[in-house]
């Protein structure tokens, strides 16, 4: 087994968003950092990037924030945008304040448009991000769509045919699975991620999506007890569920409230 990467402690804490290196040094000077319950003054020492070490370190008597390699699920509310730059409420404002200053930064894995709610993944792990969004992975995503008009009855066959064309495109959609829930509500599972795809699919059949909620990515489902706007940390088991069609059990941890004190 390879040894974990070593990093200077002041740099690690700065990268986790606790402040600049100078601010982190001041935290040590004022006895705010402890290791195994003892005050830690040598803030320039090199430490292992390991879960074992992180569990021993505390800032202001609070556990250390998750190390780099973080993956999260968010129950995204409607009206929130997956962007750093657009005006209005942004998904990143739902992160604990300090997490918005992490390096590498936390990014969404794909996007949900402003008017779509539900399961959204975020990570600071570039390799994991690209593995999830790679077209070759063909990871299925399931949505619940509320419709303006009753379903006409042939949608299941049309969506499954692999022949449906979207307006302005010259390549048909891959087959998709539709399950009718009520006359004006359906579950739709797709393996592509074209622009506003679900809304455009129903529009191609003369209907209009009034509400849209993503409930599943691969084998990972949105938990029923995860309230709108809440985050949970995914462990290795939950990440694996994304790439598996079937799953059992749960593998998340509630995101703790941001400790008071530093940024």
C-alpha atoms as a PDB file:
ATOM      1  CA  UNK A   1       0.000   0.000   0.000  1.00  0.00           C
ATOM      2  CA  UNK A   2       1.420   3.383  -0.977  1.00  0.00           C
ATOM      3  CA  UNK A   3       1.979   6.013   1.668  1.00  0.00           C
ATOM      4  CA  UNK A   4      -0.438   8.983   1.719  1.00  0.00           C
ATOM      5  CA  UNK A   5       0.716  12.242   0.186  1.00  0.00           C
ATOM      6  CA  UNK A   6       2.483  14.631   2.572  1.00  0.00           C
ATOM      7  CA  UNK A   7       1.577  18.335   2.750  1.00  0.00           C
ATOM      8  CA  UNK A   8       2.492  21.238   5.017  1.00  0.00           C
ATOM      9  CA  UNK A   9      -0.195  21.683   7.635  1.00  0.00           C
ATOM     10  CA  UNK A  10      -0.573  25.438   7.065  1.00  0.00           C
ATOM     11  CA  UNK A  11      -1.066  24.819   3.359  1.00  0.00           C
ATOM     12  CA  UNK A  12      -3.601  22.058   4.002  1.00  0.00           C
ATOM     13  CA  UNK A  13      -5.712  24.270   6.253  1.00  0.00           C
ATOM     14  CA  UNK A  14      -5.481  27.165   3.808  1.00  0.00           C
ATOM     15  CA  UNK A  15      -6.576  24.858   0.979  1.00  0.00           C
ATOM     16  CA  UNK A  16      -9.541  23.735   3.075  1.00  0.00           C
ATOM     17  CA  UNK A  17     -10.673  27.355   3.355  1.00  0.00           C
ATOM     18  CA  UNK A  18      -9.686  28.118   6.949  1.00  0.00           C
ATOM     19  CA  UNK A  19      -7.891  31.283   5.828  1.00  0.00           C
ATOM     20  CA  UNK A  20      -4.587  32.404   4.350  1.00  0.00           C
ATOM     21  CA  UNK A  21      -1.394  30.743   5.584  1.00  0.00           C
ATOM     22  CA  UNK A  22      -0.751  33.737   7.821  1.00  0.00           C
ATOM     23  CA  UNK A  23      -4.259  33.497   9.263  1.00  0.00           C
ATOM     24  CA  UNK A  24      -3.750  29.779   9.871  1.00  0.00           C
ATOM     25  CA  UNK A  25      -0.456  30.509  11.622  1.00  0.00           C
ATOM     26  CA  UNK A  26      -2.304  32.960  13.870  1.00  0.00           C
ATOM     27  CA  UNK A  27      -4.851  30.249  14.654  1.00  0.00           C
ATOM     28  CA  UNK A  28      -2.011  28.052  15.912  1.00  0.00           C
ATOM     29  CA  UNK A  29      -0.503  30.955  17.837  1.00  0.00           C
ATOM     30  CA  UNK A  30      -3.816  31.458  19.637  1.00  0.00           C
ATOM     31  CA  UNK A  31      -4.030  27.751  20.463  1.00  0.00           C
ATOM     32  CA  UNK A  32      -7.017  27.037  18.244  1.00  0.00           C
ATOM     33  CA  UNK A  33      -5.514  23.921  16.632  1.00  0.00           C
ATOM     34  CA  UNK A  34      -5.118  20.633  18.513  1.00  0.00           C
ATOM     35  CA  UNK A  35      -3.731  17.233  17.547  1.00  0.00           C
ATOM     36  CA  UNK A  36      -4.742  14.306  19.728  1.00  0.00           C
ATOM     37  CA  UNK A  37      -6.088  16.836  22.225  1.00  0.00           C
ATOM     38  CA  UNK A  38      -2.796  18.714  22.592  1.00  0.00           C
ATOM     39  CA  UNK A  39      -2.138  22.235  21.309  1.00  0.00           C
ATOM     40  CA  UNK A  40      -0.317  22.153  17.993  1.00  0.00           C
ATOM     41  CA  UNK A  41       2.191  24.963  17.487  1.00  0.00           C
ATOM     42  CA  UNK A  42       4.354  23.657  14.606  1.00  0.00           C
ATOM     43  CA  UNK A  43       2.013  24.668  11.806  1.00  0.00           C
ATOM     44  CA  UNK A  44       4.703  24.248   9.119  1.00  0.00           C
ATOM     45  CA  UNK A  45       5.224  20.529   9.693  1.00  0.00           C
ATOM     46  CA  UNK A  46       4.415  18.114   6.873  1.00  0.00           C
ATOM     47  CA  UNK A  47       1.463  15.838   7.593  1.00  0.00           C
ATOM     48  CA  UNK A  48      -0.155  12.920   5.733  1.00  0.00           C
ATOM     49  CA  UNK A  49      -3.307  13.492   3.707  1.00  0.00           C
ATOM     50  CA  UNK A  50      -5.061  10.581   5.390  1.00  0.00           C
ATOM     51  CA  UNK A  51      -8.402  10.070   7.087  1.00  0.00           C
ATOM     52  CA  UNK A  52      -6.561   8.753  10.134  1.00  0.00           C
ATOM     53  CA  UNK A  53      -4.656  12.013  10.562  1.00  0.00           C
ATOM     54  CA  UNK A  54      -7.706  14.172   9.835  1.00  0.00           C
ATOM     55  CA  UNK A  55      -9.652  12.406  12.598  1.00  0.00           C
ATOM     56  CA  UNK A  56      -6.979  13.431  15.127  1.00  0.00           C
ATOM     57  CA  UNK A  57      -6.931  17.135  14.238  1.00  0.00           C
ATOM     58  CA  UNK A  58      -9.400  19.704  15.549  1.00  0.00           C
ATOM     59  CA  UNK A  59      -9.918  23.411  14.921  1.00  0.00           C
ATOM     60  CA  UNK A  60     -11.667  25.343  17.707  1.00  0.00           C
ATOM     61  CA  UNK A  61     -12.558  21.963  19.269  1.00  0.00           C
ATOM     62  CA  UNK A  62     -14.418  20.992  16.068  1.00  0.00           C
ATOM     63  CA  UNK A  63     -13.494  18.121  13.702  1.00  0.00           C
ATOM     64  CA  UNK A  64     -11.425  19.033  10.651  1.00  0.00           C
ATOM     65  CA  UNK A  65     -13.391  19.610   7.455  1.00  0.00           C
ATOM     66  CA  UNK A  66     -13.345  16.744   4.896  1.00  0.00           C
ATOM     67  CA  UNK A  67     -10.037  16.335   3.077  1.00  0.00           C
ATOM     68  CA  UNK A  68      -9.660  16.884  -0.692  1.00  0.00           C
ATOM     69  CA  UNK A  69     -11.412  14.171  -2.670  1.00  0.00           C
ATOM     70  CA  UNK A  70     -14.811  15.280  -1.365  1.00  0.00           C
ATOM     71  CA  UNK A  71     -18.026  14.167  -3.100  1.00  0.00           C
ATOM     72  CA  UNK A  72     -21.471  15.449  -2.159  1.00  0.00           C
ATOM     73  CA  UNK A  73     -25.103  15.066  -3.041  1.00  0.00           C
ATOM     74  CA  UNK A  74     -27.428  18.061  -2.894  1.00  0.00           C
ATOM     75  CA  UNK A  75     -31.200  18.136  -3.031  1.00  0.00           C
ATOM     76  CA  UNK A  76     -31.231  21.172  -5.291  1.00  0.00           C
ATOM     77  CA  UNK A  77     -34.187  23.529  -4.842  1.00  0.00           C
ATOM     78  CA  UNK A  78     -35.987  25.180  -7.730  1.00  0.00           C
ATOM     79  CA  UNK A  79     -34.836  28.721  -8.477  1.00  0.00           C
ATOM     80  CA  UNK A  80     -31.162  28.006  -7.741  1.00  0.00           C
ATOM     81  CA  UNK A  81     -28.607  28.130 -10.571  1.00  0.00           C
ATOM     82  CA  UNK A  82     -25.620  25.793 -11.121  1.00  0.00           C
ATOM     83  CA  UNK A  83     -23.164  28.604 -11.779  1.00  0.00           C
ATOM     84  CA  UNK A  84     -20.483  30.763 -10.178  1.00  0.00           C
ATOM     85  CA  UNK A  85     -21.277  33.852 -12.236  1.00  0.00           C
ATOM     86  CA  UNK A  86     -24.994  34.252 -12.908  1.00  0.00           C
ATOM     87  CA  UNK A  87     -27.169  36.570 -10.854  1.00  0.00           C
ATOM     88  CA  UNK A  88     -29.604  35.281  -8.262  1.00  0.00           C
ATOM     89  CA  UNK A  89     -29.303  32.332  -5.861  1.00  0.00           C
ATOM     90  CA  UNK A  90     -26.484  29.894  -6.727  1.00  0.00           C
ATOM     91  CA  UNK A  91     -25.979  26.287  -5.619  1.00  0.00           C
ATOM     92  CA  UNK A  92     -22.587  27.198  -4.145  1.00  0.00           C
ATOM     93  CA  UNK A  93     -24.293  29.471  -1.630  1.00  0.00           C
ATOM     94  CA  UNK A  94     -25.793  26.296  -0.129  1.00  0.00           C
ATOM     95  CA  UNK A  95     -22.333  25.025   0.854  1.00  0.00           C
ATOM     96  CA  UNK A  96     -20.907  25.807   4.290  1.00  0.00           C
ATOM     97  CA  UNK A  97     -19.244  29.224   3.934  1.00  0.00           C
ATOM     98  CA  UNK A  98     -15.695  27.975   4.338  1.00  0.00           C
ATOM     99  CA  UNK A  99     -16.140  25.265   1.684  1.00  0.00           C
ATOM    100  CA  UNK A 100     -16.556  27.974  -0.944  1.00  0.00           C
ATOM    101  CA  UNK A 101     -12.859  28.826  -0.474  1.00  0.00           C
ATOM    102  CA  UNK A 102     -11.454  25.309  -0.872  1.00  0.00           C
ATOM    103  CA  UNK A 103      -8.632  24.576  -3.309  1.00  0.00           C
ATOM    104  CA  UNK A 104      -9.243  22.593  -5.431  1.00  0.00           C
ATOM    105  CA  UNK A 105     -12.703  24.142  -5.593  1.00  0.00           C
ATOM    106  CA  UNK A 106     -15.967  22.249  -5.362  1.00  0.00           C
ATOM    107  CA  UNK A 107     -17.819  22.043  -8.693  1.00  0.00           C
ATOM    108  CA  UNK A 108     -21.129  20.570  -9.783  1.00  0.00           C
ATOM    109  CA  UNK A 109     -21.022  17.307 -11.727  1.00  0.00           C
ATOM    110  CA  UNK A 110     -23.114  18.357 -14.675  1.00  0.00           C
ATOM    111  CA  UNK A 111     -25.942  20.801 -14.165  1.00  0.00           C
ATOM    112  CA  UNK A 112     -29.623  21.077 -13.406  1.00  0.00           C
ATOM    113  CA  UNK A 113     -31.318  24.116 -14.867  1.00  0.00           C
ATOM    114  CA  UNK A 114     -32.724  26.816 -12.629  1.00  0.00           C
ATOM    115  CA  UNK A 115     -36.269  25.439 -12.711  1.00  0.00           C
ATOM    116  CA  UNK A 116     -35.280  21.799 -12.105  1.00  0.00           C
ATOM    117  CA  UNK A 117     -34.914  20.396  -8.586  1.00  0.00           C
ATOM    118  CA  UNK A 118     -33.542  17.210  -7.090  1.00  0.00           C
ATOM    119  CA  UNK A 119     -30.372  15.154  -7.071  1.00  0.00           C
ATOM    120  CA  UNK A 120     -27.214  17.082  -7.922  1.00  0.00           C
ATOM    121  CA  UNK A 121     -23.664  15.848  -7.336  1.00  0.00           C
ATOM    122  CA  UNK A 122     -20.700  18.058  -6.450  1.00  0.00           C
ATOM    123  CA  UNK A 123     -17.001  17.272  -6.027  1.00  0.00           C
ATOM    124  CA  UNK A 124     -13.486  18.673  -5.849  1.00  0.00           C
ATOM    125  CA  UNK A 125     -12.152  15.501  -7.507  1.00  0.00           C
ATOM    126  CA  UNK A 126     -11.615  16.158 -11.214  1.00  0.00           C
ATOM    127  CA  UNK A 127     -11.074  12.512 -12.136  1.00  0.00           C
ATOM    128  CA  UNK A 128     -14.320  11.477 -10.425  1.00  0.00           C
ATOM    129  CA  UNK A 129     -16.205  14.327 -12.106  1.00  0.00           C
ATOM    130  CA  UNK A 130     -15.067  13.319 -15.592  1.00  0.00           C
ATOM    131  CA  UNK A 131     -15.789   9.647 -14.916  1.00  0.00           C
ATOM    132  CA  UNK A 132     -19.412  10.475 -14.073  1.00  0.00           C
ATOM    133  CA  UNK A 133     -20.068  12.837 -16.977  1.00  0.00           C
ATOM    134  CA  UNK A 134     -18.193  10.849 -19.645  1.00  0.00           C
ATOM    135  CA  UNK A 135     -20.579   9.950 -22.492  1.00  0.00           C
ATOM    136  CA  UNK A 136     -18.923   6.524 -22.621  1.00  0.00           C
ATOM    137  CA  UNK A 137     -20.174   5.786 -19.095  1.00  0.00           C
ATOM    138  CA  UNK A 138     -23.800   6.123 -20.252  1.00  0.00           C
ATOM    139  CA  UNK A 139     -24.944   6.699 -16.681  1.00  0.00           C
ATOM    140  CA  UNK A 140     -28.732   6.781 -16.550  1.00  0.00           C
ATOM    141  CA  UNK A 141     -30.553   9.676 -14.911  1.00  0.00           C
ATOM    142  CA  UNK A 142     -34.170   9.481 -13.791  1.00  0.00           C
ATOM    143  CA  UNK A 143     -36.555  12.437 -13.561  1.00  0.00           C
ATOM    144  CA  UNK A 144     -40.131  12.946 -12.416  1.00  0.00           C
ATOM    145  CA  UNK A 145     -41.905  15.291 -14.809  1.00  0.00           C
ATOM    146  CA  UNK A 146     -45.178  17.094 -14.126  1.00  0.00           C
ATOM    147  CA  UNK A 147     -47.005  17.930 -17.357  1.00  0.00           C
ATOM    148  CA  UNK A 148     -49.366  20.647 -18.469  1.00  0.00           C
ATOM    149  CA  UNK A 149     -51.593  18.229 -20.406  1.00  0.00           C
ATOM    150  CA  UNK A 150     -52.512  14.558 -20.023  1.00  0.00           C
ATOM    151  CA  UNK A 151     -50.214  12.061 -21.687  1.00  0.00           C
ATOM    152  CA  UNK A 152     -51.607  10.971 -25.033  1.00  0.00           C
ATOM    153  CA  UNK A 153     -50.647   7.295 -24.644  1.00  0.00           C
ATOM    154  CA  UNK A 154     -47.900   6.668 -27.183  1.00  0.00           C
ATOM    155  CA  UNK A 155     -45.057   8.410 -25.375  1.00  0.00           C
ATOM    156  CA  UNK A 156     -43.553   5.215 -23.925  1.00  0.00           C
ATOM    157  CA  UNK A 157     -43.052   3.680 -27.361  1.00  0.00           C
ATOM    158  CA  UNK A 158     -41.823   6.886 -28.990  1.00  0.00           C
ATOM    159  CA  UNK A 159     -39.228   7.541 -26.279  1.00  0.00           C
ATOM    160  CA  UNK A 160     -38.048   3.894 -26.357  1.00  0.00           C
ATOM    161  CA  UNK A 161     -37.725   3.794 -30.138  1.00  0.00           C
ATOM    162  CA  UNK A 162     -34.399   5.568 -30.455  1.00  0.00           C
ATOM    163  CA  UNK A 163     -35.863   7.520 -33.355  1.00  0.00           C
ATOM    164  CA  UNK A 164     -37.145  10.698 -31.660  1.00  0.00           C
ATOM    165  CA  UNK A 165     -35.578  13.870 -33.050  1.00  0.00           C
ATOM    166  CA  UNK A 166     -35.368  17.090 -31.091  1.00  0.00           C
ATOM    167  CA  UNK A 167     -36.010  20.402 -32.796  1.00  0.00           C
ATOM    168  CA  UNK A 168     -32.847  21.855 -34.296  1.00  0.00           C
ATOM    169  CA  UNK A 169     -30.874  18.594 -34.119  1.00  0.00           C
ATOM    170  CA  UNK A 170     -29.970  16.026 -36.766  1.00  0.00           C
ATOM    171  CA  UNK A 171     -29.228  13.006 -34.564  1.00  0.00           C
ATOM    172  CA  UNK A 172     -32.010  10.964 -32.937  1.00  0.00           C
ATOM    173  CA  UNK A 173     -32.085  10.440 -29.192  1.00  0.00           C
ATOM    174  CA  UNK A 174     -30.936   7.214 -27.597  1.00  0.00           C
ATOM    175  CA  UNK A 175     -33.782   5.038 -26.330  1.00  0.00           C
ATOM    176  CA  UNK A 176     -35.293   6.298 -23.057  1.00  0.00           C
ATOM    177  CA  UNK A 177     -37.586   4.596 -20.552  1.00  0.00           C
ATOM    178  CA  UNK A 178     -40.897   6.249 -19.634  1.00  0.00           C
ATOM    179  CA  UNK A 179     -43.128   5.098 -16.787  1.00  0.00           C
ATOM    180  CA  UNK A 180     -46.539   6.747 -16.529  1.00  0.00           C
ATOM    181  CA  UNK A 181     -47.380   7.584 -12.918  1.00  0.00           C
ATOM    182  CA  UNK A 182     -50.583   9.591 -13.362  1.00  0.00           C
ATOM    183  CA  UNK A 183     -52.265  11.095 -16.446  1.00  0.00           C
ATOM    184  CA  UNK A 184     -50.071  14.199 -16.050  1.00  0.00           C
ATOM    185  CA  UNK A 185     -46.960  12.831 -14.324  1.00  0.00           C
ATOM    186  CA  UNK A 186     -44.281  10.444 -15.551  1.00  0.00           C
ATOM    187  CA  UNK A 187     -40.872   9.040 -14.644  1.00  0.00           C
ATOM    188  CA  UNK A 188     -38.331   9.323 -17.465  1.00  0.00           C
ATOM    189  CA  UNK A 189     -34.884   7.695 -17.517  1.00  0.00           C
ATOM    190  CA  UNK A 190     -32.328   8.906 -20.069  1.00  0.00           C
ATOM    191  CA  UNK A 191     -28.674   8.106 -20.746  1.00  0.00           C
ATOM    192  CA  UNK A 192     -27.762  11.325 -22.559  1.00  0.00           C
ATOM    193  CA  UNK A 193     -27.432  14.889 -21.342  1.00  0.00           C
ATOM    194  CA  UNK A 194     -28.507  17.138 -24.175  1.00  0.00           C
ATOM    195  CA  UNK A 195     -29.524  20.720 -23.469  1.00  0.00           C
ATOM    196  CA  UNK A 196     -32.875  20.775 -21.635  1.00  0.00           C
ATOM    197  CA  UNK A 197     -33.392  17.258 -22.962  1.00  0.00           C
ATOM    198  CA  UNK A 198     -36.350  16.114 -20.857  1.00  0.00           C
ATOM    199  CA  UNK A 199     -38.320  19.306 -21.459  1.00  0.00           C
ATOM    200  CA  UNK A 200     -37.603  19.164 -25.188  1.00  0.00           C
ATOM    201  CA  UNK A 201     -38.608  15.503 -25.432  1.00  0.00           C
ATOM    202  CA  UNK A 202     -42.089  16.207 -24.112  1.00  0.00           C
ATOM    203  CA  UNK A 203     -42.294  19.379 -26.193  1.00  0.00           C
ATOM    204  CA  UNK A 204     -41.574  17.274 -29.299  1.00  0.00           C
ATOM    205  CA  UNK A 205     -44.788  15.367 -28.524  1.00  0.00           C
ATOM    206  CA  UNK A 206     -46.850  18.488 -27.945  1.00  0.00           C
ATOM    207  CA  UNK A 207     -46.695  18.643 -24.157  1.00  0.00           C
ATOM    208  CA  UNK A 208     -45.087  21.054 -21.699  1.00  0.00           C
ATOM    209  CA  UNK A 209     -43.127  20.195 -18.544  1.00  0.00           C
ATOM    210  CA  UNK A 210     -44.374  22.269 -15.614  1.00  0.00           C
ATOM    211  CA  UNK A 211     -42.210  20.688 -12.877  1.00  0.00           C
ATOM    212  CA  UNK A 212     -39.073  18.571 -13.147  1.00  0.00           C
ATOM    213  CA  UNK A 213     -37.196  16.764 -10.400  1.00  0.00           C
ATOM    214  CA  UNK A 214     -34.202  14.429 -10.756  1.00  0.00           C
ATOM    215  CA  UNK A 215     -34.428  11.487  -8.378  1.00  0.00           C
ATOM    216  CA  UNK A 216     -31.655   9.127  -9.467  1.00  0.00           C
ATOM    217  CA  UNK A 217     -28.171   9.071 -11.045  1.00  0.00           C
ATOM    218  CA  UNK A 218     -27.057   5.572 -11.995  1.00  0.00           C
ATOM    219  CA  UNK A 219     -27.881   3.412  -8.978  1.00  0.00           C
ATOM    220  CA  UNK A 220     -27.793   6.328  -6.525  1.00  0.00           C
ATOM    221  CA  UNK A 221     -31.223   7.619  -5.472  1.00  0.00           C
ATOM    222  CA  UNK A 222     -32.166  10.878  -3.803  1.00  0.00           C
ATOM    223  CA  UNK A 223     -32.996   9.952  -0.172  1.00  0.00           C
ATOM    224  CA  UNK A 224     -36.516  10.723   0.904  1.00  0.00           C
ATOM    225  CA  UNK A 225     -35.260  12.313   4.120  1.00  0.00           C
ATOM    226  CA  UNK A 226     -32.879  14.761   2.426  1.00  0.00           C
ATOM    227  CA  UNK A 227     -34.701  18.081   2.585  1.00  0.00           C
ATOM    228  CA  UNK A 228     -34.559  20.636  -0.199  1.00  0.00           C
ATOM    229  CA  UNK A 229     -31.292  22.573   0.016  1.00  0.00           C
ATOM    230  CA  UNK A 230     -29.553  19.967   2.209  1.00  0.00           C
ATOM    231  CA  UNK A 231     -26.200  18.302   1.461  1.00  0.00           C
ATOM    232  CA  UNK A 232     -24.760  14.902   2.318  1.00  0.00           C
ATOM    233  CA  UNK A 233     -21.232  13.573   1.945  1.00  0.00           C
ATOM    234  CA  UNK A 234     -20.854  10.458  -0.209  1.00  0.00           C
ATOM    235  CA  UNK A 235     -18.452   7.748   0.837  1.00  0.00           C
ATOM    236  CA  UNK A 236     -16.812   5.214  -1.488  1.00  0.00           C
ATOM    237  CA  UNK A 237     -19.858   2.944  -1.345  1.00  0.00           C
ATOM    238  CA  UNK A 238     -22.216   5.690  -2.462  1.00  0.00           C
ATOM    239  CA  UNK A 239     -19.860   6.675  -5.294  1.00  0.00           C
ATOM    240  CA  UNK A 240     -19.847   3.083  -6.491  1.00  0.00           C
ATOM    241  CA  UNK A 241     -23.656   3.099  -6.563  1.00  0.00           C
ATOM    242  CA  UNK A 242     -23.547   5.768  -9.263  1.00  0.00           C
ATOM    243  CA  UNK A 243     -21.964   3.276 -11.641  1.00  0.00           C
ATOM    244  CA  UNK A 244     -24.214   0.337 -10.708  1.00  0.00           C
ATOM    245  CA  UNK A 245     -27.811  -0.142 -11.895  1.00  0.00           C
ATOM    246  CA  UNK A 246     -28.850  -1.803  -8.645  1.00  0.00           C
ATOM    247  CA  UNK A 247     -27.904  -0.935  -5.087  1.00  0.00           C
ATOM    248  CA  UNK A 248     -28.786  -1.565  -1.497  1.00  0.00           C
ATOM    249  CA  UNK A 249     -28.186   0.321   1.707  1.00  0.00           C
ATOM    250  CA  UNK A 250     -27.165   3.909   2.176  1.00  0.00           C
ATOM    251  CA  UNK A 251     -23.719   5.438   2.210  1.00  0.00           C
ATOM    252  CA  UNK A 252     -23.880   9.083   3.132  1.00  0.00           C
ATOM    253  CA  UNK A 253     -23.015  11.315   6.059  1.00  0.00           C
ATOM    254  CA  UNK A 254     -24.869  14.461   7.005  1.00  0.00           C
ATOM    255  CA  UNK A 255     -22.841  17.571   6.268  1.00  0.00           C
ATOM    256  CA  UNK A 256     -22.010  19.089   9.667  1.00  0.00           C
ATOM    257  CA  UNK A 257     -22.705  22.744  10.320  1.00  0.00           C
ATOM    258  CA  UNK A 258     -19.719  24.970   9.625  1.00  0.00           C
ATOM    259  CA  UNK A 259     -17.774  25.620  12.842  1.00  0.00           C
ATOM    260  CA  UNK A 260     -17.723  29.175  14.084  1.00  0.00           C
ATOM    261  CA  UNK A 261     -14.529  31.186  14.011  1.00  0.00           C
ATOM    262  CA  UNK A 262     -12.356  31.178  10.915  1.00  0.00           C
ATOM    263  CA  UNK A 263     -13.682  31.926   7.446  1.00  0.00           C
END
